[in-house]
Amino acid sequence: MNDKTLVQTDKDNKPARILTPEEIKQVLLSYQFEISPLGILKSARKLMQESDSATGKEKEVIQAQLEEKLKEGLAIVALDKHHLIAEALDRDKYRTLVIEIADQLIAEYACKTTSEKMLAETASWAYCRMLEYSSRLNGLINIEYLSNQKNGYYSMLSKEVDRCNRQYLAAIHTLRQVKQPKIAVTFRAHNAFVAQNQQINTPQGKPPTEKNDAGQ
């Protein structure tokens, strides 16, 4: 209780705090929800400590609870494990591929920040989605009969292939821009005016004088 917190007494003459809206907001911000990363980690740590001191049937129950809690916390390391982006794909082979591509892009562009890793994941996901839609499109072409449903599905798959290709190129282009080193430009001139990629330098010193026919 700080000095600025108002205090009043209840019916038993016991002191009670009167928190301001801002103080209540700070209390809410400090509260750890069950789905918050820090809340999950604290719960997992507590279960680990209990498991170390437990024995027999009690230890088995705590370890089962700990395993479930660790599964909940897997999302915390999703940018490093890429399992959530992999679950967004349909077939297992593409899930394995998207994890491998994401790891290779992170290594290729030396991704360190969260935004850089997200761009690498987006590029890998878009590329694998393009492969997935292309595979379905190829299977549809091999069907000999024609129908309105087939034509509509074919049109949708074609658009999705193009969309995934654009998403991939946009993510890679943005990642390259983010990782591009900054260029330092230094101007050394007495007078320089730069606009629209043009530079005009004004020479210094006295202008040359013209001599007349008499040499003067």
C-alpha atoms as a PDB file:
ATOM      1  CA  MET A   1       0.000   0.000   0.000  1.00  0.00           C
ATOM      2  CA  ASN A   2       1.571   3.254  -1.069  1.00  0.00           C
ATOM      3  CA  ASP A   3       1.064   6.693   0.389  1.00  0.00           C
ATOM      4  CA  LYS A   4      -1.197   7.766  -2.464  1.00  0.00           C
ATOM      5  CA  THR A   5      -3.671   4.919  -1.901  1.00  0.00           C
ATOM      6  CA  LEU A   6      -6.753   6.107  -0.053  1.00  0.00           C
ATOM      7  CA  VAL A   7      -7.641   4.185   3.099  1.00  0.00           C
ATOM      8  CA  GLN A   8     -10.967   3.911   4.833  1.00  0.00           C
ATOM      9  CA  THR A   9     -12.284   1.760   7.647  1.00  0.00           C
ATOM     10  CA  ASP A  10     -15.023  -0.832   7.382  1.00  0.00           C
ATOM     11  CA  LYS A  11     -17.716  -1.590   9.953  1.00  0.00           C
ATOM     12  CA  ASP A  12     -15.161  -3.299  12.197  1.00  0.00           C
ATOM     13  CA  ASN A  13     -12.849  -0.277  12.023  1.00  0.00           C
ATOM     14  CA  LYS A  14     -10.314  -2.274   9.978  1.00  0.00           C
ATOM     15  CA  PRO A  15      -8.352  -0.363   7.339  1.00  0.00           C
ATOM     16  CA  ALA A  16      -9.338  -1.093   3.724  1.00  0.00           C
ATOM     17  CA  ARG A  17      -7.745   0.148   0.547  1.00  0.00           C
ATOM     18  CA  ILE A  18      -9.564   2.221  -2.027  1.00  0.00           C
ATOM     19  CA  LEU A  19      -7.714   1.574  -5.282  1.00  0.00           C
ATOM     20  CA  THR A  20      -7.853   3.991  -8.152  1.00  0.00           C
ATOM     21  CA  PRO A  21      -8.766   2.679 -11.640  1.00  0.00           C
ATOM     22  CA  GLU A  22      -5.116   2.953 -12.669  1.00  0.00           C
ATOM     23  CA  GLU A  23      -3.991   0.895  -9.654  1.00  0.00           C
ATOM     24  CA  ILE A  24      -6.573  -1.784 -10.433  1.00  0.00           C
ATOM     25  CA  LYS A  25      -5.272  -1.850 -14.009  1.00  0.00           C
ATOM     26  CA  GLN A  26      -1.746  -2.477 -12.712  1.00  0.00           C
ATOM     27  CA  VAL A  27      -3.045  -5.359 -10.582  1.00  0.00           C
ATOM     28  CA  LEU A  28      -4.693  -6.899 -13.652  1.00  0.00           C
ATOM     29  CA  LEU A  29      -1.502  -6.481 -15.703  1.00  0.00           C
ATOM     30  CA  SER A  30       0.501  -8.336 -13.054  1.00  0.00           C
ATOM     31  CA  TYR A  31      -1.960 -11.240 -12.992  1.00  0.00           C
ATOM     32  CA  GLN A  32      -0.783 -14.388 -14.797  1.00  0.00           C
ATOM     33  CA  PHE A  33      -3.507 -16.133 -16.776  1.00  0.00           C
ATOM     34  CA  GLU A  34      -3.371 -19.883 -17.376  1.00  0.00           C
ATOM     35  CA  ILE A  35      -2.753 -19.424 -21.113  1.00  0.00           C
ATOM     36  CA  SER A  36      -0.060 -16.774 -20.711  1.00  0.00           C
ATOM     37  CA  PRO A  37       3.471 -18.007 -21.492  1.00  0.00           C
ATOM     38  CA  LEU A  38       4.791 -17.006 -18.084  1.00  0.00           C
ATOM     39  CA  GLY A  39       1.849 -18.668 -16.341  1.00  0.00           C
ATOM     40  CA  ILE A  40       2.450 -21.944 -18.210  1.00  0.00           C
ATOM     41  CA  LEU A  41       6.167 -21.877 -17.442  1.00  0.00           C
ATOM     42  CA  LYS A  42       5.553 -21.240 -13.751  1.00  0.00           C
ATOM     43  CA  SER A  43       3.047 -24.097 -13.579  1.00  0.00           C
ATOM     44  CA  ALA A  44       5.497 -26.424 -15.354  1.00  0.00           C
ATOM     45  CA  ARG A  45       8.267 -25.450 -12.946  1.00  0.00           C
ATOM     46  CA  LYS A  46       6.032 -26.150  -9.952  1.00  0.00           C
ATOM     47  CA  LEU A  47       5.072 -29.575 -11.337  1.00  0.00           C
ATOM     48  CA  MET A  48       8.738 -30.394 -11.941  1.00  0.00           C
ATOM     49  CA  GLN A  49       9.565 -29.574  -8.340  1.00  0.00           C
ATOM     50  CA  GLU A  50       6.662 -31.675  -7.096  1.00  0.00           C
ATOM     51  CA  SER A  51       7.712 -34.554  -9.352  1.00  0.00           C
ATOM     52  CA  ASP A  52      11.246 -34.530  -7.968  1.00  0.00           C
ATOM     53  CA  SER A  53      10.010 -34.987  -4.397  1.00  0.00           C
ATOM     54  CA  ALA A  54       7.112 -37.378  -5.162  1.00  0.00           C
ATOM     55  CA  THR A  55       7.267 -41.185  -5.288  1.00  0.00           C
ATOM     56  CA  GLY A  56       5.180 -44.084  -6.498  1.00  0.00           C
ATOM     57  CA  LYS A  57       1.691 -43.484  -7.884  1.00  0.00           C
ATOM     58  CA  GLU A  58       1.761 -39.808  -6.937  1.00  0.00           C
ATOM     59  CA  LYS A  59       4.875 -39.267  -9.067  1.00  0.00           C
ATOM     60  CA  GLU A  60       3.201 -40.881 -12.092  1.00  0.00           C
ATOM     61  CA  VAL A  61       0.174 -38.601 -11.745  1.00  0.00           C
ATOM     62  CA  ILE A  62       2.327 -35.472 -11.458  1.00  0.00           C
ATOM     63  CA  GLN A  63       4.472 -36.495 -14.439  1.00  0.00           C
ATOM     64  CA  ALA A  64       1.326 -36.962 -16.540  1.00  0.00           C
ATOM     65  CA  GLN A  65       0.185 -33.469 -15.538  1.00  0.00           C
ATOM     66  CA  LEU A  66       3.637 -32.113 -16.332  1.00  0.00           C
ATOM     67  CA  GLU A  67       3.578 -33.672 -19.805  1.00  0.00           C
ATOM     68  CA  GLU A  68       0.234 -32.041 -20.552  1.00  0.00           C
ATOM     69  CA  LYS A  69       1.510 -28.685 -19.302  1.00  0.00           C
ATOM     70  CA  LEU A  70       4.630 -28.936 -21.464  1.00  0.00           C
ATOM     71  CA  LYS A  71       2.449 -29.677 -24.494  1.00  0.00           C
ATOM     72  CA  GLU A  72       0.546 -26.459 -23.754  1.00  0.00           C
ATOM     73  CA  GLY A  73       3.849 -24.601 -23.653  1.00  0.00           C
ATOM     74  CA  LEU A  74       5.034 -25.835 -27.042  1.00  0.00           C
ATOM     75  CA  ALA A  75       3.498 -22.750 -28.652  1.00  0.00           C
ATOM     76  CA  ILE A  76       6.067 -20.637 -26.779  1.00  0.00           C
ATOM     77  CA  VAL A  77       8.854 -22.106 -28.932  1.00  0.00           C
ATOM     78  CA  ALA A  78       6.810 -22.260 -32.152  1.00  0.00           C
ATOM     79  CA  LEU A  79       9.070 -19.767 -33.964  1.00  0.00           C
ATOM     80  CA  ASP A  80      12.036 -22.061 -33.336  1.00  0.00           C
ATOM     81  CA  LYS A  81      10.322 -25.440 -33.823  1.00  0.00           C
ATOM     82  CA  HIS A  82       7.899 -24.341 -36.623  1.00  0.00           C
ATOM     83  CA  HIS A  83       5.372 -26.996 -35.584  1.00  0.00           C
ATOM     84  CA  LEU A  84       2.382 -24.631 -35.640  1.00  0.00           C
ATOM     85  CA  ILE A  85       3.075 -23.462 -39.187  1.00  0.00           C
ATOM     86  CA  ALA A  86       3.507 -27.114 -40.163  1.00  0.00           C
ATOM     87  CA  GLU A  87       0.102 -28.018 -38.717  1.00  0.00           C
ATOM     88  CA  ALA A  88      -1.449 -25.500 -41.127  1.00  0.00           C
ATOM     89  CA  LEU A  89      -0.588 -27.873 -44.000  1.00  0.00           C
ATOM     90  CA  ASP A  90      -2.546 -30.988 -44.945  1.00  0.00           C
ATOM     91  CA  ARG A  91      -0.013 -33.717 -45.776  1.00  0.00           C
ATOM     92  CA  ASP A  92       2.810 -34.907 -43.553  1.00  0.00           C
ATOM     93  CA  LYS A  93       5.460 -34.635 -46.268  1.00  0.00           C
ATOM     94  CA  TYR A  94       4.734 -30.932 -46.693  1.00  0.00           C
ATOM     95  CA  ARG A  95       4.779 -30.466 -42.912  1.00  0.00           C
ATOM     96  CA  THR A  96       8.271 -31.944 -42.776  1.00  0.00           C
ATOM     97  CA  LEU A  97       9.338 -29.833 -45.752  1.00  0.00           C
ATOM     98  CA  VAL A  98       8.049 -26.536 -44.324  1.00  0.00           C
ATOM     99  CA  ILE A  99      10.085 -27.070 -41.129  1.00  0.00           C
ATOM    100  CA  GLU A 100      13.223 -27.829 -43.135  1.00  0.00           C
ATOM    101  CA  ILE A 101      12.783 -24.816 -45.447  1.00  0.00           C
ATOM    102  CA  ALA A 102      12.124 -22.481 -42.514  1.00  0.00           C
ATOM    103  CA  ASP A 103      15.315 -23.658 -40.790  1.00  0.00           C
ATOM    104  CA  GLN A 104      17.339 -23.214 -43.981  1.00  0.00           C
ATOM    105  CA  LEU A 105      15.965 -19.707 -44.613  1.00  0.00           C
ATOM    106  CA  ILE A 106      16.712 -18.691 -41.025  1.00  0.00           C
ATOM    107  CA  ALA A 107      20.274 -19.945 -41.457  1.00  0.00           C
ATOM    108  CA  GLU A 108      20.665 -18.401 -44.933  1.00  0.00           C
ATOM    109  CA  TYR A 109      19.528 -14.929 -43.860  1.00  0.00           C
ATOM    110  CA  ALA A 110      20.900 -15.187 -40.295  1.00  0.00           C
ATOM    111  CA  CYS A 111      17.473 -14.422 -38.824  1.00  0.00           C
ATOM    112  CA  LYS A 112      17.722 -13.322 -35.201  1.00  0.00           C
ATOM    113  CA  THR A 113      14.668 -11.164 -34.481  1.00  0.00           C
ATOM    114  CA  THR A 114      11.062 -12.302 -34.173  1.00  0.00           C
ATOM    115  CA  SER A 115       9.966 -10.482 -37.334  1.00  0.00           C
ATOM    116  CA  GLU A 116      12.774 -12.058 -39.381  1.00  0.00           C
ATOM    117  CA  LYS A 117      11.822 -15.572 -38.229  1.00  0.00           C
ATOM    118  CA  MET A 118       8.161 -14.854 -38.999  1.00  0.00           C
ATOM    119  CA  LEU A 119       9.068 -13.802 -42.550  1.00  0.00           C
ATOM    120  CA  ALA A 120      11.109 -16.998 -43.019  1.00  0.00           C
ATOM    121  CA  GLU A 121       8.158 -19.067 -41.794  1.00  0.00           C
ATOM    122  CA  THR A 122       5.740 -17.191 -44.062  1.00  0.00           C
ATOM    123  CA  ALA A 123       7.941 -17.788 -47.113  1.00  0.00           C
ATOM    124  CA  SER A 124       8.315 -21.501 -46.343  1.00  0.00           C
ATOM    125  CA  TRP A 125       4.590 -21.895 -45.678  1.00  0.00           C
ATOM    126  CA  ALA A 126       3.603 -20.111 -48.900  1.00  0.00           C
ATOM    127  CA  TYR A 127       6.010 -22.249 -50.943  1.00  0.00           C
ATOM    128  CA  CYS A 128       4.692 -25.513 -49.473  1.00  0.00           C
ATOM    129  CA  ARG A 129       1.111 -24.399 -49.964  1.00  0.00           C
ATOM    130  CA  MET A 130       1.938 -23.719 -53.599  1.00  0.00           C
ATOM    131  CA  LEU A 131       3.256 -27.290 -53.921  1.00  0.00           C
ATOM    132  CA  GLU A 132       0.184 -28.670 -52.171  1.00  0.00           C
ATOM    133  CA  TYR A 133      -2.256 -26.844 -54.427  1.00  0.00           C
ATOM    134  CA  SER A 134      -0.201 -27.723 -57.505  1.00  0.00           C
ATOM    135  CA  SER A 135      -0.376 -31.416 -56.575  1.00  0.00           C
ATOM    136  CA  ARG A 136      -4.150 -31.261 -56.279  1.00  0.00           C
ATOM    137  CA  LEU A 137      -4.363 -29.329 -59.540  1.00  0.00           C
ATOM    138  CA  ASN A 138      -2.307 -31.981 -61.327  1.00  0.00           C
ATOM    139  CA  GLY A 139      -4.594 -34.725 -60.044  1.00  0.00           C
ATOM    140  CA  LEU A 140      -7.642 -32.813 -61.238  1.00  0.00           C
ATOM    141  CA  ILE A 141      -6.244 -32.401 -64.757  1.00  0.00           C
ATOM    142  CA  ASN A 142      -5.964 -36.184 -65.116  1.00  0.00           C
ATOM    143  CA  ILE A 143      -9.735 -36.549 -64.696  1.00  0.00           C
ATOM    144  CA  GLU A 144     -11.151 -36.914 -68.193  1.00  0.00           C
ATOM    145  CA  TYR A 145     -14.757 -35.791 -67.713  1.00  0.00           C
ATOM    146  CA  LEU A 146     -15.826 -32.147 -67.573  1.00  0.00           C
ATOM    147  CA  SER A 147     -18.348 -30.484 -65.263  1.00  0.00           C
ATOM    148  CA  ASN A 148     -19.175 -27.115 -63.766  1.00  0.00           C
ATOM    149  CA  GLN A 149     -17.948 -28.311 -60.378  1.00  0.00           C
ATOM    150  CA  LYS A 150     -14.638 -29.463 -61.819  1.00  0.00           C
ATOM    151  CA  ASN A 151     -14.122 -26.223 -63.721  1.00  0.00           C
ATOM    152  CA  GLY A 152     -14.880 -24.165 -60.624  1.00  0.00           C
ATOM    153  CA  TYR A 153     -12.524 -26.230 -58.470  1.00  0.00           C
ATOM    154  CA  TYR A 154      -9.859 -26.008 -61.173  1.00  0.00           C
ATOM    155  CA  SER A 155     -10.217 -22.213 -61.282  1.00  0.00           C
ATOM    156  CA  MET A 156      -9.980 -21.966 -57.484  1.00  0.00           C
ATOM    157  CA  LEU A 157      -6.829 -24.114 -57.333  1.00  0.00           C
ATOM    158  CA  SER A 158      -5.181 -22.092 -60.110  1.00  0.00           C
ATOM    159  CA  LYS A 159      -5.852 -18.845 -58.232  1.00  0.00           C
ATOM    160  CA  GLU A 160      -4.507 -20.316 -54.991  1.00  0.00           C
ATOM    161  CA  VAL A 161      -1.275 -21.412 -56.713  1.00  0.00           C
ATOM    162  CA  ASP A 162      -0.784 -17.871 -58.031  1.00  0.00           C
ATOM    163  CA  ARG A 163      -1.651 -16.356 -54.648  1.00  0.00           C
ATOM    164  CA  CYS A 164       0.814 -18.588 -52.787  1.00  0.00           C
ATOM    165  CA  ASN A 165       3.515 -17.711 -55.307  1.00  0.00           C
ATOM    166  CA  ARG A 166       2.926 -13.976 -54.714  1.00  0.00           C
ATOM    167  CA  GLN A 167       2.955 -14.491 -50.944  1.00  0.00           C
ATOM    168  CA  TYR A 168       6.244 -16.356 -51.183  1.00  0.00           C
ATOM    169  CA  LEU A 169       7.881 -13.693 -53.342  1.00  0.00           C
ATOM    170  CA  ALA A 170       6.596 -10.890 -51.089  1.00  0.00           C
ATOM    171  CA  ALA A 171       7.941 -12.588 -47.952  1.00  0.00           C
ATOM    172  CA  ILE A 172      11.351 -13.281 -49.512  1.00  0.00           C
ATOM    173  CA  HIS A 173      11.600  -9.744 -50.901  1.00  0.00           C
ATOM    174  CA  THR A 174      10.725  -8.237 -47.518  1.00  0.00           C
ATOM    175  CA  LEU A 175      13.195 -10.511 -45.735  1.00  0.00           C
ATOM    176  CA  ARG A 176      15.966  -9.463 -48.120  1.00  0.00           C
ATOM    177  CA  GLN A 177      15.155  -5.804 -47.544  1.00  0.00           C
ATOM    178  CA  VAL A 178      15.204  -6.268 -43.780  1.00  0.00           C
ATOM    179  CA  LYS A 179      18.570  -8.029 -43.885  1.00  0.00           C
ATOM    180  CA  GLN A 180      20.121  -5.665 -46.428  1.00  0.00           C
ATOM    181  CA  PRO A 181      22.943  -3.704 -44.785  1.00  0.00           C
ATOM    182  CA  LYS A 182      22.484   0.023 -44.461  1.00  0.00           C
ATOM    183  CA  ILE A 183      24.399   2.127 -46.971  1.00  0.00           C
ATOM    184  CA  ALA A 184      26.324   5.088 -45.600  1.00  0.00           C
ATOM    185  CA  VAL A 185      26.563   8.005 -48.031  1.00  0.00           C
ATOM    186  CA  THR A 186      29.110  10.778 -47.488  1.00  0.00           C
ATOM    187  CA  PHE A 187      29.209  14.020 -49.471  1.00  0.00           C
ATOM    188  CA  ARG A 188      32.444  15.980 -49.709  1.00  0.00           C
ATOM    189  CA  ALA A 189      31.880  19.228 -51.540  1.00  0.00           C
ATOM    190  CA  HIS A 190      31.818  22.935 -50.852  1.00  0.00           C
ATOM    191  CA  ASN A 191      28.303  23.263 -52.194  1.00  0.00           C
ATOM    192  CA  ALA A 192      26.157  20.270 -53.117  1.00  0.00           C
ATOM    193  CA  PHE A 193      22.477  20.115 -54.006  1.00  0.00           C
ATOM    194  CA  VAL A 194      20.976  16.626 -54.320  1.00  0.00           C
ATOM    195  CA  ALA A 195      17.493  16.037 -55.716  1.00  0.00           C
ATOM    196  CA  GLN A 196      16.040  13.353 -57.932  1.00  0.00           C
ATOM    197  CA  ASN A 197      19.412  11.589 -58.146  1.00  0.00           C
ATOM    198  CA  GLN A 198      21.077  14.770 -59.431  1.00  0.00           C
ATOM    199  CA  GLN A 199      24.033  16.573 -57.943  1.00  0.00           C
ATOM    200  CA  ILE A 200      25.267  20.055 -58.776  1.00  0.00           C
ATOM    201  CA  ASN A 201      28.642  21.179 -57.500  1.00  0.00           C
ATOM    202  CA  THR A 202      29.599  24.862 -57.491  1.00  0.00           C
ATOM    203  CA  PRO A 203      33.324  25.424 -58.202  1.00  0.00           C
ATOM    204  CA  GLN A 204      35.200  27.670 -55.841  1.00  0.00           C
ATOM    205  CA  GLY A 205      37.783  30.357 -56.653  1.00  0.00           C
ATOM    206  CA  LYS A 206      37.874  33.275 -59.037  1.00  0.00           C
ATOM    207  CA  PRO A 207      36.522  32.685 -62.539  1.00  0.00           C
ATOM    208  CA  PRO A 208      39.072  32.901 -65.337  1.00  0.00           C
ATOM    209  CA  THR A 209      39.348  36.308 -67.030  1.00  0.00           C
ATOM    210  CA  GLU A 210      39.294  36.778 -70.752  1.00  0.00           C
ATOM    211  CA  LYS A 211      42.092  38.674 -72.441  1.00  0.00           C
ATOM    212  CA  ASN A 212      41.494  41.104 -75.290  1.00  0.00           C
ATOM    213  CA  ASP A 213      43.495  41.306 -78.493  1.00  0.00           C
ATOM    214  CA  ALA A 214      45.974  43.613 -76.821  1.00  0.00           C
ATOM    215  CA  GLY A 215      46.714  41.043 -74.149  1.00  0.00           C
ATOM    216  CA  GLN A 216      44.960  43.040 -71.472  1.00  0.00           C
END
